Amino acid sequence: MEYEYRRLAEEKAILGRVDWAGRLPFRDFMTVIAKCDLALYPSRTALNGDSEGGAPVTLIEAQWLGVPSIVSDHADLSFVAGPSAPVLDATDVDAWAETMREHYRNPLAVKAQSVAARAFARAHHAPETNVRAREEVYLGL
């Protein structure tokens, strides 16, 4: 997959403008993502119907660190991202570009989204919260 991304970046003449972190140990990944201004999570159902399912854990981790995210309307991304994240059609490239431009033009809104993302992740995805939710399910069974 990384090869395909590099090929696409080269084809679009932006290869030199992309930082490739590669596969990182968890601590290094968290250090890198904490420095990001924005995290993008475009996802869609494949033409063959494969939906792969499940929001990436990196979405929760980015929000935990206060990194604002933009997600597609695919699967459970919008629920995991919380109410502050813009939710876009994965195939609407113009909407993605405009939303990223808005983030660039409006740092105060980005700061507010960062604070909201961190609060949402800590309220809904903290280990203690997950344990309580699972206990409720198990006790109900």
N, C-alpha and C. Protein backbone atom coordinates (compact mmCIF):
# COMPACT_ATOMS: atom_id res chain seq x y z
N MET A 1 0.83 -1.19 0.00
CA MET A 1 0.00 0.00 0.00
C MET A 1 0.88 1.26 0.00
N GLU A 2 1.94 1.24 0.79
CA GLU A 2 2.80 2.43 0.85
C GLU A 2 3.39 2.73 -0.53
N TYR A 3 3.73 1.68 -1.26
CA TYR A 3 4.26 1.87 -2.61
C TYR A 3 3.26 2.63 -3.47
N GLU A 4 1.98 2.27 -3.36
CA GLU A 4 0.94 2.94 -4.15
C GLU A 4 0.82 4.42 -3.77
N TYR A 5 0.90 4.71 -2.47
CA TYR A 5 0.84 6.10 -2.04
C TYR A 5 2.03 6.90 -2.57
N ARG A 6 3.20 6.29 -2.52
CA ARG A 6 4.39 6.98 -3.04
C ARG A 6 4.28 7.21 -4.55
N ARG A 7 3.77 6.20 -5.25
CA ARG A 7 3.59 6.32 -6.69
C ARG A 7 2.61 7.45 -7.01
N LEU A 8 1.52 7.52 -6.25
CA LEU A 8 0.52 8.57 -6.46
C LEU A 8 1.12 9.95 -6.18
N ALA A 9 1.88 10.06 -5.10
CA ALA A 9 2.51 11.34 -4.75
C ALA A 9 3.50 11.76 -5.83
N GLU A 10 4.21 10.79 -6.38
CA GLU A 10 5.14 11.10 -7.46
C GLU A 10 4.38 11.53 -8.72
N GLU A 11 3.31 10.81 -9.03
CA GLU A 11 2.48 11.14 -10.19
C GLU A 11 1.90 12.55 -10.09
N LYS A 12 1.54 12.96 -8.88
CA LYS A 12 0.95 14.29 -8.66
C LYS A 12 2.00 15.36 -8.40
N ALA A 13 3.27 14.98 -8.51
CA ALA A 13 4.41 15.89 -8.35
C ALA A 13 4.45 16.54 -6.96
N ILE A 14 4.10 15.76 -5.94
CA ILE A 14 4.15 16.27 -4.56
C ILE A 14 5.03 15.39 -3.66
N LEU A 15 5.73 14.45 -4.25
CA LEU A 15 6.53 13.50 -3.48
C LEU A 15 7.47 14.20 -2.50
N GLY A 16 8.10 15.27 -2.92
CA GLY A 16 9.03 16.00 -2.07
C GLY A 16 8.36 16.79 -0.96
N ARG A 17 7.04 16.93 -1.02
CA ARG A 17 6.30 17.68 0.00
C ARG A 17 5.62 16.78 1.01
N VAL A 18 5.87 15.48 0.90
CA VAL A 18 5.25 14.52 1.81
C VAL A 18 6.31 13.95 2.74
N ASP A 19 6.02 13.96 4.04
CA ASP A 19 6.92 13.32 5.01
C ASP A 19 6.45 11.88 5.20
N TRP A 20 7.32 10.93 4.95
CA TRP A 20 6.99 9.51 5.08
C TRP A 20 7.59 9.00 6.37
N ALA A 21 6.76 8.70 7.33
CA ALA A 21 7.25 8.24 8.64
C ALA A 21 7.53 6.75 8.65
N GLY A 22 6.89 6.01 7.77
CA GLY A 22 7.07 4.56 7.76
C GLY A 22 6.39 3.91 8.96
N ARG A 23 6.74 2.67 9.20
CA ARG A 23 6.18 1.95 10.35
C ARG A 23 6.98 2.33 11.60
N LEU A 24 6.25 2.72 12.64
CA LEU A 24 6.90 3.24 13.83
C LEU A 24 6.48 2.47 15.07
N PRO A 25 7.38 2.34 16.04
CA PRO A 25 6.95 1.84 17.35
C PRO A 25 5.91 2.81 17.93
N PHE A 26 5.05 2.31 18.79
CA PHE A 26 3.93 3.09 19.31
C PHE A 26 4.36 4.44 19.86
N ARG A 27 5.35 4.47 20.71
CA ARG A 27 5.79 5.73 21.32
C ARG A 27 6.22 6.74 20.25
N ASP A 28 6.96 6.27 19.26
CA ASP A 28 7.40 7.16 18.18
C ASP A 28 6.21 7.65 17.35
N PHE A 29 5.26 6.75 17.10
CA PHE A 29 4.05 7.14 16.37
C PHE A 29 3.32 8.26 17.11
N MET A 30 3.13 8.09 18.41
CA MET A 30 2.42 9.09 19.20
C MET A 30 3.16 10.43 19.19
N THR A 31 4.49 10.39 19.20
CA THR A 31 5.28 11.62 19.14
C THR A 31 5.08 12.31 17.80
N VAL A 32 5.07 11.54 16.72
CA VAL A 32 4.89 12.12 15.39
C VAL A 32 3.48 12.68 15.23
N ILE A 33 2.47 11.92 15.59
CA ILE A 33 1.10 12.37 15.37
C ILE A 33 0.76 13.57 16.26
N ALA A 34 1.38 13.66 17.42
CA ALA A 34 1.13 14.80 18.32
C ALA A 34 1.57 16.12 17.69
N LYS A 35 2.48 16.06 16.74
CA LYS A 35 2.96 17.27 16.07
C LYS A 35 2.11 17.67 14.87
N CYS A 36 1.12 16.85 14.53
CA CYS A 36 0.28 17.11 13.36
C CYS A 36 -0.73 18.21 13.64
N ASP A 37 -1.06 18.95 12.61
CA ASP A 37 -2.08 19.98 12.71
C ASP A 37 -3.47 19.43 12.43
N LEU A 38 -3.52 18.32 11.68
CA LEU A 38 -4.79 17.77 11.24
C LEU A 38 -4.57 16.32 10.85
N ALA A 39 -5.55 15.48 11.16
CA ALA A 39 -5.51 14.07 10.75
C ALA A 39 -6.69 13.79 9.83
N LEU A 40 -6.43 13.08 8.75
CA LEU A 40 -7.46 12.78 7.76
C LEU A 40 -7.77 11.28 7.77
N TYR A 41 -9.05 10.96 7.74
CA TYR A 41 -9.48 9.57 7.74
C TYR A 41 -10.52 9.34 6.65
N PRO A 42 -10.07 9.36 5.38
CA PRO A 42 -10.99 9.05 4.29
C PRO A 42 -11.11 7.52 4.17
N SER A 43 -12.31 7.05 4.07
CA SER A 43 -12.54 5.62 3.95
C SER A 43 -13.86 5.41 3.21
N ARG A 44 -13.95 4.34 2.46
CA ARG A 44 -15.19 4.04 1.76
C ARG A 44 -15.27 2.55 1.48
N THR A 45 -16.45 2.12 1.11
CA THR A 45 -16.66 0.73 0.74
C THR A 45 -16.02 0.51 -0.64
N ALA A 46 -15.28 -0.59 -0.76
CA ALA A 46 -14.62 -0.91 -2.03
C ALA A 46 -15.65 -1.27 -3.09
N LEU A 47 -15.25 -1.21 -4.33
CA LEU A 47 -16.15 -1.55 -5.43
C LEU A 47 -16.68 -2.98 -5.33
N ASN A 48 -15.88 -3.87 -4.69
CA ASN A 48 -16.33 -5.25 -4.54
C ASN A 48 -17.21 -5.46 -3.30
N GLY A 49 -17.53 -4.37 -2.61
CA GLY A 49 -18.41 -4.44 -1.44
C GLY A 49 -17.69 -4.60 -0.12
N ASP A 50 -16.36 -4.75 -0.15
CA ASP A 50 -15.60 -4.90 1.09
C ASP A 50 -15.63 -3.60 1.87
N SER A 51 -16.06 -3.69 3.12
CA SER A 51 -16.15 -2.49 3.95
C SER A 51 -15.10 -2.48 5.04
N GLU A 52 -14.36 -3.55 5.21
CA GLU A 52 -13.32 -3.79 6.21
C GLU A 52 -13.73 -3.43 7.61
N GLY A 53 -14.56 -2.47 7.80
CA GLY A 53 -15.16 -2.16 9.10
C GLY A 53 -14.22 -1.67 10.17
N GLY A 54 -14.75 -0.91 11.04
CA GLY A 54 -14.01 -0.46 12.20
C GLY A 54 -13.16 0.77 11.96
N ALA A 55 -13.36 1.75 12.80
CA ALA A 55 -12.54 2.96 12.72
C ALA A 55 -11.12 2.63 13.18
N PRO A 56 -10.12 3.27 12.60
CA PRO A 56 -8.75 2.98 13.02
C PRO A 56 -8.48 3.51 14.44
N VAL A 57 -7.72 2.74 15.18
CA VAL A 57 -7.35 3.15 16.53
C VAL A 57 -6.60 4.47 16.50
N THR A 58 -5.90 4.73 15.40
CA THR A 58 -5.15 5.98 15.30
C THR A 58 -6.06 7.20 15.38
N LEU A 59 -7.32 7.05 15.02
CA LEU A 59 -8.27 8.16 15.14
C LEU A 59 -8.48 8.52 16.62
N ILE A 60 -8.66 7.52 17.44
CA ILE A 60 -8.82 7.75 18.88
C ILE A 60 -7.53 8.34 19.46
N GLU A 61 -6.40 7.79 19.06
CA GLU A 61 -5.12 8.27 19.59
C GLU A 61 -4.84 9.71 19.19
N ALA A 62 -5.15 10.05 17.93
CA ALA A 62 -4.95 11.44 17.49
C ALA A 62 -5.81 12.39 18.30
N GLN A 63 -7.08 12.03 18.48
CA GLN A 63 -7.98 12.89 19.26
C GLN A 63 -7.52 12.99 20.71
N TRP A 64 -7.05 11.87 21.26
CA TRP A 64 -6.56 11.85 22.65
C TRP A 64 -5.48 12.91 22.83
N LEU A 65 -4.67 13.08 21.78
CA LEU A 65 -3.59 14.07 21.81
C LEU A 65 -4.05 15.47 21.41
N GLY A 66 -5.33 15.59 21.03
CA GLY A 66 -5.86 16.89 20.64
C GLY A 66 -5.63 17.24 19.19
N VAL A 67 -5.39 16.25 18.36
CA VAL A 67 -5.21 16.50 16.93
C VAL A 67 -6.59 16.47 16.27
N PRO A 68 -7.03 17.59 15.70
CA PRO A 68 -8.32 17.61 15.02
C PRO A 68 -8.33 16.64 13.85
N SER A 69 -9.50 16.08 13.57
CA SER A 69 -9.61 15.10 12.50
C SER A 69 -10.75 15.44 11.56
N ILE A 70 -10.58 15.01 10.32
CA ILE A 70 -11.65 15.04 9.33
C ILE A 70 -11.88 13.59 8.93
N VAL A 71 -13.14 13.16 8.94
CA VAL A 71 -13.44 11.76 8.64
C VAL A 71 -14.46 11.66 7.51
N SER A 72 -14.48 10.51 6.87
CA SER A 72 -15.51 10.27 5.87
C SER A 72 -16.74 9.69 6.56
N ASP A 73 -17.83 9.66 5.83
CA ASP A 73 -19.10 9.19 6.36
C ASP A 73 -19.23 7.66 6.26
N HIS A 74 -18.13 6.99 6.23
CA HIS A 74 -18.10 5.54 6.08
C HIS A 74 -18.08 4.82 7.43
N ALA A 75 -18.84 3.76 7.52
CA ALA A 75 -18.86 2.88 8.69
C ALA A 75 -19.04 3.69 9.98
N ASP A 76 -18.19 3.44 10.98
CA ASP A 76 -18.38 4.07 12.30
C ASP A 76 -17.44 5.25 12.55
N LEU A 77 -16.78 5.74 11.51
CA LEU A 77 -15.83 6.84 11.70
C LEU A 77 -16.46 8.05 12.38
N SER A 78 -17.65 8.44 11.97
CA SER A 78 -18.25 9.65 12.54
C SER A 78 -18.61 9.47 14.01
N PHE A 79 -18.90 8.25 14.44
CA PHE A 79 -19.23 8.01 15.84
C PHE A 79 -17.97 8.02 16.70
N VAL A 80 -16.89 7.48 16.17
CA VAL A 80 -15.64 7.44 16.91
C VAL A 80 -15.00 8.83 16.96
N ALA A 81 -15.20 9.61 15.90
CA ALA A 81 -14.60 10.94 15.84
C ALA A 81 -15.30 11.95 16.72
N GLY A 82 -16.54 11.75 16.99
CA GLY A 82 -17.24 12.69 17.84
C GLY A 82 -17.77 13.89 17.09
N PRO A 83 -18.50 14.74 17.80
CA PRO A 83 -19.25 15.83 17.15
C PRO A 83 -18.41 16.98 16.59
N SER A 84 -17.15 17.12 16.98
CA SER A 84 -16.38 18.26 16.49
C SER A 84 -15.73 18.01 15.13
N ALA A 85 -15.67 16.75 14.71
CA ALA A 85 -14.98 16.43 13.46
C ALA A 85 -15.90 16.60 12.26
N PRO A 86 -15.43 17.29 11.22
CA PRO A 86 -16.21 17.34 9.99
C PRO A 86 -16.33 15.94 9.40
N VAL A 87 -17.52 15.60 8.93
CA VAL A 87 -17.78 14.29 8.32
C VAL A 87 -18.12 14.54 6.85
N LEU A 88 -17.32 13.96 5.96
CA LEU A 88 -17.46 14.24 4.53
C LEU A 88 -17.65 12.97 3.72
N ASP A 89 -18.25 13.12 2.57
CA ASP A 89 -18.34 12.02 1.61
C ASP A 89 -16.92 11.71 1.14
N ALA A 90 -16.53 10.46 1.24
CA ALA A 90 -15.15 10.09 0.90
C ALA A 90 -14.79 10.39 -0.54
N THR A 91 -15.77 10.44 -1.41
CA THR A 91 -15.48 10.65 -2.83
C THR A 91 -15.54 12.11 -3.25
N ASP A 92 -15.90 13.00 -2.34
CA ASP A 92 -16.03 14.43 -2.68
C ASP A 92 -14.71 15.15 -2.41
N VAL A 93 -13.81 15.04 -3.36
CA VAL A 93 -12.46 15.60 -3.22
C VAL A 93 -12.51 17.10 -2.97
N ASP A 94 -13.42 17.79 -3.65
CA ASP A 94 -13.53 19.24 -3.47
C ASP A 94 -13.91 19.59 -2.03
N ALA A 95 -14.81 18.82 -1.43
CA ALA A 95 -15.21 19.09 -0.04
C ALA A 95 -14.03 18.86 0.90
N TRP A 96 -13.24 17.82 0.65
CA TRP A 96 -12.06 17.56 1.48
C TRP A 96 -11.07 18.71 1.35
N ALA A 97 -10.83 19.14 0.13
CA ALA A 97 -9.88 20.23 -0.09
C ALA A 97 -10.36 21.51 0.58
N GLU A 98 -11.64 21.83 0.43
CA GLU A 98 -12.18 23.06 1.02
C GLU A 98 -12.13 23.00 2.55
N THR A 99 -12.44 21.84 3.12
CA THR A 99 -12.40 21.69 4.57
C THR A 99 -10.98 21.86 5.10
N MET A 100 -10.01 21.33 4.38
CA MET A 100 -8.61 21.52 4.78
C MET A 100 -8.21 22.98 4.65
N ARG A 101 -8.66 23.65 3.59
CA ARG A 101 -8.38 25.08 3.45
C ARG A 101 -8.99 25.87 4.60
N GLU A 102 -10.21 25.53 4.99
CA GLU A 102 -10.86 26.21 6.11
C GLU A 102 -10.06 26.02 7.40
N HIS A 103 -9.55 24.83 7.61
CA HIS A 103 -8.71 24.60 8.79
C HIS A 103 -7.47 25.48 8.75
N TYR A 104 -6.89 25.60 7.59
CA TYR A 104 -5.69 26.42 7.43
C TYR A 104 -6.00 27.90 7.69
N ARG A 105 -7.15 28.35 7.19
CA ARG A 105 -7.51 29.77 7.29
C ARG A 105 -8.03 30.17 8.67
N ASN A 106 -8.47 29.20 9.46
CA ASN A 106 -9.14 29.53 10.71
C ASN A 106 -8.52 28.80 11.91
N PRO A 107 -7.36 29.25 12.36
CA PRO A 107 -6.67 28.56 13.46
C PRO A 107 -7.46 28.55 14.77
N LEU A 108 -8.30 29.55 15.01
CA LEU A 108 -9.11 29.54 16.24
C LEU A 108 -10.12 28.40 16.23
N ALA A 109 -10.71 28.14 15.08
CA ALA A 109 -11.66 27.02 14.96
C ALA A 109 -10.92 25.69 15.13
N VAL A 110 -9.71 25.62 14.60
CA VAL A 110 -8.91 24.40 14.73
C VAL A 110 -8.58 24.16 16.21
N LYS A 111 -8.23 25.23 16.91
CA LYS A 111 -7.94 25.11 18.35
C LYS A 111 -9.17 24.61 19.10
N ALA A 112 -10.33 25.15 18.78
CA ALA A 112 -11.56 24.71 19.43
C ALA A 112 -11.85 23.25 19.11
N GLN A 113 -11.61 22.85 17.86
CA GLN A 113 -11.83 21.45 17.49
C GLN A 113 -10.83 20.56 18.22
N SER A 114 -9.62 21.03 18.39
CA SER A 114 -8.60 20.27 19.12
C SER A 114 -9.02 20.01 20.55
N VAL A 115 -9.49 21.05 21.21
CA VAL A 115 -9.95 20.92 22.61
C VAL A 115 -11.14 19.97 22.68
N ALA A 116 -12.07 20.11 21.74
CA ALA A 116 -13.26 19.25 21.73
C ALA A 116 -12.89 17.80 21.43
N ALA A 117 -11.95 17.59 20.51
CA ALA A 117 -11.52 16.23 20.17
C ALA A 117 -10.89 15.55 21.38
N ARG A 118 -10.03 16.28 22.07
CA ARG A 118 -9.37 15.72 23.26
C ARG A 118 -10.41 15.38 24.33
N ALA A 119 -11.33 16.28 24.57
CA ALA A 119 -12.36 16.03 25.59
C ALA A 119 -13.24 14.84 25.22
N PHE A 120 -13.62 14.76 23.95
CA PHE A 120 -14.46 13.65 23.50
C PHE A 120 -13.73 12.32 23.66
N ALA A 121 -12.49 12.26 23.21
CA ALA A 121 -11.72 11.00 23.31
C ALA A 121 -11.56 10.57 24.75
N ARG A 122 -11.27 11.50 25.62
CA ARG A 122 -11.05 11.15 27.02
C ARG A 122 -12.35 10.78 27.73
N ALA A 123 -13.47 11.34 27.28
CA ALA A 123 -14.76 11.01 27.88
C ALA A 123 -15.32 9.69 27.35
N HIS A 124 -15.08 9.40 26.08
CA HIS A 124 -15.73 8.24 25.45
C HIS A 124 -14.81 7.07 25.16
N HIS A 125 -13.51 7.29 25.14
CA HIS A 125 -12.59 6.22 24.76
C HIS A 125 -11.52 5.92 25.81
N ALA A 126 -11.66 6.49 26.99
CA ALA A 126 -10.70 6.20 28.05
C ALA A 126 -10.85 4.74 28.47
N PRO A 127 -9.77 4.10 28.88
CA PRO A 127 -9.85 2.70 29.31
C PRO A 127 -10.93 2.46 30.36
N GLU A 128 -11.04 3.37 31.33
CA GLU A 128 -12.04 3.19 32.39
C GLU A 128 -13.45 3.21 31.82
N THR A 129 -13.68 4.08 30.84
CA THR A 129 -14.99 4.18 30.21
C THR A 129 -15.31 2.89 29.46
N ASN A 130 -14.34 2.35 28.75
CA ASN A 130 -14.56 1.11 28.01
C ASN A 130 -14.82 -0.06 28.94
N VAL A 131 -14.11 -0.11 30.05
CA VAL A 131 -14.31 -1.19 31.02
C VAL A 131 -15.73 -1.13 31.58
N ARG A 132 -16.18 0.05 31.97
CA ARG A 132 -17.54 0.20 32.50
C ARG A 132 -18.59 -0.21 31.47
N ALA A 133 -18.41 0.22 30.24
CA ALA A 133 -19.37 -0.11 29.19
C ALA A 133 -19.42 -1.62 28.95
N ARG A 134 -18.28 -2.27 28.95
CA ARG A 134 -18.26 -3.73 28.75
C ARG A 134 -18.89 -4.45 29.94
N GLU A 135 -18.61 -3.97 31.14
CA GLU A 135 -19.21 -4.60 32.31
C GLU A 135 -20.73 -4.52 32.26
N GLU A 136 -21.27 -3.38 31.80
CA GLU A 136 -22.71 -3.24 31.68
C GLU A 136 -23.29 -4.26 30.70
N VAL A 137 -22.59 -4.46 29.60
CA VAL A 137 -23.06 -5.45 28.60
C VAL A 137 -23.02 -6.84 29.21
N TYR A 138 -21.91 -7.19 29.83
CA TYR A 138 -21.77 -8.54 30.40
C TYR A 138 -22.78 -8.78 31.52
N LEU A 139 -22.99 -7.79 32.36
CA LEU A 139 -23.94 -7.95 33.45
C LEU A 139 -25.37 -8.09 32.90
N GLY A 140 -25.64 -7.41 31.79
CA GLY A 140 -26.95 -7.50 31.17
C GLY A 140 -27.22 -8.87 30.55
N LEU A 141 -26.16 -9.57 30.20
CA LEU A 141 -26.32 -10.90 29.62
C LEU A 141 -26.55 -11.93 30.70
